[in-house]
Amino acid sequence: MPARLTVIEIITADLAASLSFYRRLGLDIPEVEDDAEHVETDAGGVRLSWDSVELIERINPRYVRPAGGPRVSLAFECADAAEVDRLYGELVAAGGRGEMAPFDAEWGPRYAVLFDPDGNGVDLYSPAR
């Protein structure tokens, strides 16, 4: 049987901030205790999970926190251009770091790029017009 992608894992320095960010994107993430180190949810057929840096460092003592730009980028399809604008504004107002404000991409969709609390890329896009 070929390998299948079943989980995308986000290693986070601040679990609460990361979960809050992704809840604002509409993911149904369970509420967790303050000392939780692992959380996961179904994200449309693929599980999305979060692990604290501390948990990963215990599991893998050779783990080195990445430096520089994002290591992972996630893309979220929005219902329409207005939702791209709304979500981008809401996430930036809540402390997300905007990279590219919403724009009408030459390939058709409304598009925006920002970073989650750990510096991972998050793209928002509407269906192509």
N, C-alpha and C. Protein backbone atom coordinates (compact mmCIF):
# COMPACT_ATOMS: atom_id res chain seq x y z
N MET A 1 0.85 -1.19 0.00
CA MET A 1 0.00 0.00 0.00
C MET A 1 0.89 1.24 0.00
N PRO A 2 0.62 2.19 -0.87
CA PRO A 2 1.43 3.42 -0.87
C PRO A 2 1.14 4.26 0.38
N ALA A 3 2.11 5.05 0.77
CA ALA A 3 1.93 5.95 1.91
C ALA A 3 0.85 6.97 1.59
N ARG A 4 0.08 7.34 2.61
CA ARG A 4 -0.99 8.34 2.44
C ARG A 4 -0.77 9.47 3.43
N LEU A 5 -1.00 10.68 2.99
CA LEU A 5 -0.96 11.83 3.88
C LEU A 5 -2.23 11.82 4.71
N THR A 6 -2.09 11.71 6.03
CA THR A 6 -3.27 11.67 6.91
C THR A 6 -3.25 12.75 7.98
N VAL A 7 -2.06 13.29 8.28
CA VAL A 7 -1.96 14.30 9.34
C VAL A 7 -0.96 15.37 8.91
N ILE A 8 -1.32 16.61 9.13
CA ILE A 8 -0.40 17.73 9.01
C ILE A 8 -0.19 18.23 10.43
N GLU A 9 1.07 18.31 10.84
CA GLU A 9 1.41 18.67 12.21
C GLU A 9 2.03 20.06 12.27
N ILE A 10 1.54 20.86 13.18
CA ILE A 10 2.11 22.17 13.43
C ILE A 10 2.81 22.13 14.79
N ILE A 11 4.07 22.41 14.80
CA ILE A 11 4.81 22.49 16.07
C ILE A 11 4.76 23.95 16.50
N THR A 12 4.23 24.18 17.69
CA THR A 12 3.95 25.55 18.11
C THR A 12 4.61 25.92 19.43
N ALA A 13 5.10 27.13 19.51
CA ALA A 13 5.67 27.67 20.74
C ALA A 13 4.60 28.16 21.69
N ASP A 14 3.39 28.45 21.17
CA ASP A 14 2.30 28.95 22.00
C ASP A 14 1.01 28.28 21.53
N LEU A 15 0.67 27.15 22.15
CA LEU A 15 -0.47 26.36 21.72
C LEU A 15 -1.77 27.16 21.75
N ALA A 16 -2.00 27.91 22.81
CA ALA A 16 -3.25 28.67 22.93
C ALA A 16 -3.38 29.69 21.80
N ALA A 17 -2.31 30.40 21.50
CA ALA A 17 -2.36 31.41 20.43
C ALA A 17 -2.59 30.75 19.07
N SER A 18 -1.93 29.63 18.83
CA SER A 18 -2.08 28.95 17.56
C SER A 18 -3.51 28.41 17.40
N LEU A 19 -4.06 27.79 18.44
CA LEU A 19 -5.42 27.27 18.36
C LEU A 19 -6.42 28.39 18.14
N SER A 20 -6.23 29.51 18.81
CA SER A 20 -7.12 30.66 18.64
C SER A 20 -7.09 31.15 17.19
N PHE A 21 -5.90 31.24 16.62
CA PHE A 21 -5.73 31.68 15.23
C PHE A 21 -6.52 30.77 14.29
N TYR A 22 -6.35 29.47 14.43
CA TYR A 22 -7.00 28.53 13.51
C TYR A 22 -8.49 28.39 13.79
N ARG A 23 -8.92 28.62 15.00
CA ARG A 23 -10.37 28.65 15.26
C ARG A 23 -11.01 29.82 14.52
N ARG A 24 -10.31 30.95 14.43
CA ARG A 24 -10.83 32.10 13.70
C ARG A 24 -11.00 31.79 12.21
N LEU A 25 -10.23 30.82 11.73
CA LEU A 25 -10.38 30.38 10.33
C LEU A 25 -11.55 29.42 10.17
N GLY A 26 -12.21 29.07 11.26
CA GLY A 26 -13.39 28.23 11.19
C GLY A 26 -13.16 26.77 11.51
N LEU A 27 -11.95 26.39 11.91
CA LEU A 27 -11.71 24.99 12.25
C LEU A 27 -12.38 24.67 13.59
N ASP A 28 -12.99 23.51 13.66
CA ASP A 28 -13.66 23.04 14.87
C ASP A 28 -12.62 22.31 15.72
N ILE A 29 -11.95 23.06 16.57
CA ILE A 29 -10.87 22.52 17.39
C ILE A 29 -11.39 22.37 18.81
N PRO A 30 -11.21 21.20 19.41
CA PRO A 30 -11.73 21.00 20.76
C PRO A 30 -11.06 21.92 21.77
N GLU A 31 -11.82 22.28 22.79
CA GLU A 31 -11.25 23.04 23.90
C GLU A 31 -10.32 22.10 24.66
N VAL A 32 -9.21 22.63 25.15
CA VAL A 32 -8.23 21.80 25.84
C VAL A 32 -7.81 22.45 27.15
N GLU A 33 -7.22 21.66 28.01
CA GLU A 33 -6.66 22.17 29.27
C GLU A 33 -5.47 23.07 28.97
N ASP A 34 -5.18 23.97 29.90
CA ASP A 34 -4.07 24.90 29.70
C ASP A 34 -2.72 24.19 29.54
N ASP A 35 -2.59 23.01 30.13
CA ASP A 35 -1.30 22.31 30.05
C ASP A 35 -1.24 21.27 28.92
N ALA A 36 -2.20 21.32 28.00
CA ALA A 36 -2.20 20.38 26.87
C ALA A 36 -0.95 20.58 26.03
N GLU A 37 -0.46 19.48 25.48
CA GLU A 37 0.71 19.55 24.62
C GLU A 37 0.43 19.01 23.21
N HIS A 38 -0.73 18.38 23.03
CA HIS A 38 -1.10 17.83 21.73
C HIS A 38 -2.61 18.01 21.54
N VAL A 39 -2.99 18.50 20.36
CA VAL A 39 -4.40 18.69 20.01
C VAL A 39 -4.53 18.33 18.54
N GLU A 40 -5.68 17.75 18.19
CA GLU A 40 -5.90 17.51 16.76
C GLU A 40 -7.37 17.63 16.42
N THR A 41 -7.62 17.85 15.12
CA THR A 41 -8.99 17.97 14.62
C THR A 41 -9.03 17.48 13.18
N ASP A 42 -10.22 17.13 12.73
CA ASP A 42 -10.42 16.78 11.32
C ASP A 42 -10.51 18.09 10.54
N ALA A 43 -9.70 18.20 9.52
CA ALA A 43 -9.68 19.42 8.71
C ALA A 43 -10.06 19.07 7.27
N GLY A 44 -11.24 18.49 7.11
CA GLY A 44 -11.72 18.17 5.78
C GLY A 44 -11.08 16.93 5.18
N GLY A 45 -10.93 15.88 5.97
CA GLY A 45 -10.39 14.63 5.46
C GLY A 45 -8.94 14.39 5.82
N VAL A 46 -8.26 15.38 6.28
CA VAL A 46 -6.90 15.26 6.79
C VAL A 46 -6.92 15.79 8.22
N ARG A 47 -6.26 15.10 9.10
CA ARG A 47 -6.18 15.61 10.47
C ARG A 47 -5.13 16.70 10.54
N LEU A 48 -5.44 17.73 11.27
CA LEU A 48 -4.49 18.80 11.55
C LEU A 48 -4.19 18.70 13.03
N SER A 49 -2.92 18.63 13.38
CA SER A 49 -2.56 18.50 14.79
C SER A 49 -1.56 19.57 15.18
N TRP A 50 -1.56 19.85 16.48
CA TRP A 50 -0.63 20.80 17.07
C TRP A 50 0.12 20.10 18.18
N ASP A 51 1.43 20.29 18.21
CA ASP A 51 2.26 19.79 19.30
C ASP A 51 3.10 20.93 19.83
N SER A 52 3.20 20.99 21.15
CA SER A 52 4.04 22.03 21.74
C SER A 52 5.51 21.74 21.44
N VAL A 53 6.30 22.79 21.37
CA VAL A 53 7.74 22.64 21.16
C VAL A 53 8.31 21.76 22.27
N GLU A 54 7.83 21.96 23.50
CA GLU A 54 8.36 21.20 24.63
C GLU A 54 8.12 19.69 24.45
N LEU A 55 6.94 19.32 23.94
CA LEU A 55 6.66 17.90 23.69
C LEU A 55 7.61 17.35 22.63
N ILE A 56 7.78 18.07 21.56
CA ILE A 56 8.66 17.62 20.48
C ILE A 56 10.10 17.50 20.97
N GLU A 57 10.54 18.44 21.79
CA GLU A 57 11.91 18.37 22.33
C GLU A 57 12.10 17.16 23.24
N ARG A 58 11.04 16.75 23.95
CA ARG A 58 11.15 15.55 24.78
C ARG A 58 11.18 14.29 23.91
N ILE A 59 10.36 14.28 22.85
CA ILE A 59 10.31 13.12 21.96
C ILE A 59 11.61 13.00 21.17
N ASN A 60 12.10 14.13 20.70
CA ASN A 60 13.30 14.14 19.86
C ASN A 60 14.30 15.14 20.43
N PRO A 61 15.22 14.67 21.27
CA PRO A 61 16.19 15.59 21.89
C PRO A 61 17.07 16.34 20.89
N ARG A 62 17.12 15.88 19.63
CA ARG A 62 17.92 16.58 18.62
C ARG A 62 17.13 17.61 17.84
N TYR A 63 15.85 17.78 18.18
CA TYR A 63 15.02 18.76 17.48
C TYR A 63 15.62 20.16 17.62
N VAL A 64 15.67 20.87 16.52
CA VAL A 64 16.17 22.25 16.50
C VAL A 64 15.04 23.12 15.98
N ARG A 65 14.70 24.15 16.74
CA ARG A 65 13.65 25.07 16.30
C ARG A 65 14.09 25.75 15.01
N PRO A 66 13.21 25.78 14.00
CA PRO A 66 13.58 26.40 12.73
C PRO A 66 13.79 27.91 12.86
N ALA A 67 14.69 28.42 12.07
CA ALA A 67 14.93 29.86 12.01
C ALA A 67 14.62 30.31 10.59
N GLY A 68 14.32 31.58 10.45
CA GLY A 68 14.06 32.10 9.11
C GLY A 68 12.59 32.06 8.77
N GLY A 69 12.30 31.87 7.51
CA GLY A 69 10.94 31.92 6.99
C GLY A 69 10.10 30.71 7.32
N PRO A 70 8.87 30.70 6.84
CA PRO A 70 7.96 29.61 7.16
C PRO A 70 8.46 28.28 6.59
N ARG A 71 8.19 27.22 7.32
CA ARG A 71 8.53 25.87 6.88
C ARG A 71 7.31 25.18 6.27
N VAL A 72 6.13 25.66 6.62
CA VAL A 72 4.88 25.08 6.14
C VAL A 72 3.96 26.22 5.74
N SER A 73 3.18 25.99 4.71
CA SER A 73 2.16 26.95 4.33
C SER A 73 0.86 26.19 4.12
N LEU A 74 -0.22 26.68 4.70
CA LEU A 74 -1.53 26.07 4.56
C LEU A 74 -2.42 27.02 3.78
N ALA A 75 -3.23 26.49 2.88
CA ALA A 75 -4.11 27.32 2.07
C ALA A 75 -5.56 27.00 2.42
N PHE A 76 -6.35 28.03 2.69
CA PHE A 76 -7.75 27.89 3.06
C PHE A 76 -8.62 28.53 1.98
N GLU A 77 -9.50 27.71 1.40
CA GLU A 77 -10.44 28.24 0.42
C GLU A 77 -11.61 28.89 1.16
N CYS A 78 -11.91 30.12 0.80
CA CYS A 78 -13.01 30.88 1.38
C CYS A 78 -14.20 30.83 0.43
N ALA A 79 -15.37 31.13 0.94
CA ALA A 79 -16.59 31.07 0.12
C ALA A 79 -16.55 32.05 -1.04
N ASP A 80 -16.00 33.25 -0.78
CA ASP A 80 -15.97 34.28 -1.82
C ASP A 80 -14.93 35.34 -1.46
N ALA A 81 -14.80 36.33 -2.32
CA ALA A 81 -13.81 37.39 -2.13
C ALA A 81 -14.05 38.15 -0.83
N ALA A 82 -15.31 38.39 -0.49
CA ALA A 82 -15.63 39.12 0.74
C ALA A 82 -15.14 38.37 1.97
N GLU A 83 -15.22 37.04 1.94
CA GLU A 83 -14.75 36.26 3.09
C GLU A 83 -13.23 36.33 3.20
N VAL A 84 -12.52 36.36 2.08
CA VAL A 84 -11.07 36.54 2.11
C VAL A 84 -10.74 37.85 2.83
N ASP A 85 -11.40 38.92 2.41
CA ASP A 85 -11.15 40.23 3.02
C ASP A 85 -11.49 40.24 4.51
N ARG A 86 -12.65 39.65 4.87
CA ARG A 86 -13.09 39.63 6.25
C ARG A 86 -12.13 38.85 7.14
N LEU A 87 -11.79 37.63 6.71
CA LEU A 87 -10.90 36.80 7.52
C LEU A 87 -9.52 37.43 7.66
N TYR A 88 -8.99 37.95 6.57
CA TYR A 88 -7.67 38.58 6.64
C TYR A 88 -7.69 39.73 7.65
N GLY A 89 -8.70 40.59 7.57
CA GLY A 89 -8.81 41.71 8.50
C GLY A 89 -8.96 41.25 9.94
N GLU A 90 -9.79 40.23 10.16
CA GLU A 90 -10.01 39.71 11.51
C GLU A 90 -8.73 39.10 12.09
N LEU A 91 -8.02 38.32 11.28
CA LEU A 91 -6.81 37.66 11.76
C LEU A 91 -5.70 38.66 12.04
N VAL A 92 -5.54 39.65 11.19
CA VAL A 92 -4.51 40.67 11.42
C VAL A 92 -4.88 41.51 12.65
N ALA A 93 -6.15 41.86 12.81
CA ALA A 93 -6.58 42.63 13.98
C ALA A 93 -6.35 41.85 15.27
N ALA A 94 -6.40 40.52 15.18
CA ALA A 94 -6.21 39.67 16.36
C ALA A 94 -4.74 39.34 16.59
N GLY A 95 -3.84 39.94 15.83
CA GLY A 95 -2.41 39.75 16.06
C GLY A 95 -1.68 38.95 15.00
N GLY A 96 -2.39 38.44 13.99
CA GLY A 96 -1.71 37.74 12.90
C GLY A 96 -0.86 38.73 12.12
N ARG A 97 0.20 38.24 11.51
CA ARG A 97 1.11 39.12 10.76
C ARG A 97 0.78 39.03 9.28
N GLY A 98 0.26 40.12 8.73
CA GLY A 98 -0.08 40.15 7.32
C GLY A 98 1.16 40.23 6.45
N GLU A 99 1.16 39.48 5.37
CA GLU A 99 2.26 39.49 4.42
C GLU A 99 1.81 40.13 3.10
N MET A 100 0.65 39.72 2.60
CA MET A 100 0.10 40.28 1.37
C MET A 100 -1.38 40.53 1.61
N ALA A 101 -1.76 41.79 1.67
CA ALA A 101 -3.17 42.14 1.86
C ALA A 101 -3.98 41.58 0.71
N PRO A 102 -5.28 41.36 0.90
CA PRO A 102 -6.10 40.78 -0.16
C PRO A 102 -5.96 41.54 -1.48
N PHE A 103 -5.86 40.77 -2.55
CA PHE A 103 -5.74 41.34 -3.89
C PHE A 103 -6.42 40.40 -4.88
N ASP A 104 -6.77 40.94 -6.03
CA ASP A 104 -7.36 40.14 -7.10
C ASP A 104 -6.22 39.57 -7.93
N ALA A 105 -5.98 38.27 -7.77
CA ALA A 105 -4.87 37.61 -8.44
C ALA A 105 -5.14 37.48 -9.93
N GLU A 106 -4.10 37.58 -10.71
CA GLU A 106 -4.25 37.50 -12.17
C GLU A 106 -4.75 36.14 -12.61
N TRP A 107 -4.60 35.10 -11.78
CA TRP A 107 -5.08 33.76 -12.15
C TRP A 107 -6.52 33.52 -11.70
N GLY A 108 -7.20 34.56 -11.15
CA GLY A 108 -8.63 34.49 -10.92
C GLY A 108 -9.16 34.70 -9.52
N PRO A 109 -8.57 34.13 -8.49
CA PRO A 109 -9.19 34.27 -7.16
C PRO A 109 -8.80 35.57 -6.46
N ARG A 110 -9.54 35.89 -5.43
CA ARG A 110 -9.11 36.90 -4.44
C ARG A 110 -8.13 36.16 -3.55
N TYR A 111 -7.00 36.77 -3.22
CA TYR A 111 -5.92 36.06 -2.55
C TYR A 111 -5.31 36.93 -1.46
N ALA A 112 -4.86 36.32 -0.38
CA ALA A 112 -4.16 37.03 0.69
C ALA A 112 -3.22 36.05 1.37
N VAL A 113 -2.16 36.59 1.97
CA VAL A 113 -1.18 35.76 2.68
C VAL A 113 -0.87 36.41 4.02
N LEU A 114 -0.84 35.58 5.07
CA LEU A 114 -0.43 36.04 6.38
C LEU A 114 0.30 34.90 7.08
N PHE A 115 0.78 35.16 8.29
CA PHE A 115 1.51 34.17 9.06
C PHE A 115 0.79 33.90 10.36
N ASP A 116 0.79 32.62 10.77
CA ASP A 116 0.20 32.25 12.06
C ASP A 116 1.17 32.66 13.18
N PRO A 117 0.82 32.47 14.43
CA PRO A 117 1.70 32.91 15.53
C PRO A 117 3.10 32.30 15.52
N ASP A 118 3.28 31.17 14.83
CA ASP A 118 4.60 30.53 14.77
C ASP A 118 5.35 30.83 13.48
N GLY A 119 4.79 31.71 12.64
CA GLY A 119 5.46 32.09 11.40
C GLY A 119 5.18 31.17 10.22
N ASN A 120 4.22 30.24 10.36
CA ASN A 120 3.82 29.41 9.23
C ASN A 120 2.94 30.22 8.29
N GLY A 121 3.10 30.01 7.01
CA GLY A 121 2.30 30.73 6.04
C GLY A 121 0.86 30.25 6.01
N VAL A 122 -0.06 31.19 5.85
CA VAL A 122 -1.47 30.88 5.70
C VAL A 122 -1.99 31.70 4.52
N ASP A 123 -2.44 30.99 3.49
CA ASP A 123 -3.02 31.64 2.31
C ASP A 123 -4.54 31.57 2.42
N LEU A 124 -5.20 32.63 2.06
CA LEU A 124 -6.64 32.67 1.96
C LEU A 124 -6.97 32.94 0.50
N TYR A 125 -7.92 32.20 -0.05
CA TYR A 125 -8.27 32.44 -1.45
C TYR A 125 -9.74 32.12 -1.70
N SER A 126 -10.29 32.80 -2.67
CA SER A 126 -11.68 32.56 -3.07
C SER A 126 -11.64 31.69 -4.33
N PRO A 127 -12.78 31.10 -4.69
CA PRO A 127 -12.82 30.41 -5.98
C PRO A 127 -12.50 31.40 -7.10
N ALA A 128 -11.92 30.89 -8.18
CA ALA A 128 -11.60 31.76 -9.32
C ALA A 128 -12.88 32.35 -9.89
N ARG A 129 -12.79 33.62 -10.27
CA ARG A 129 -13.96 34.28 -10.86
C ARG A 129 -13.98 34.10 -12.33
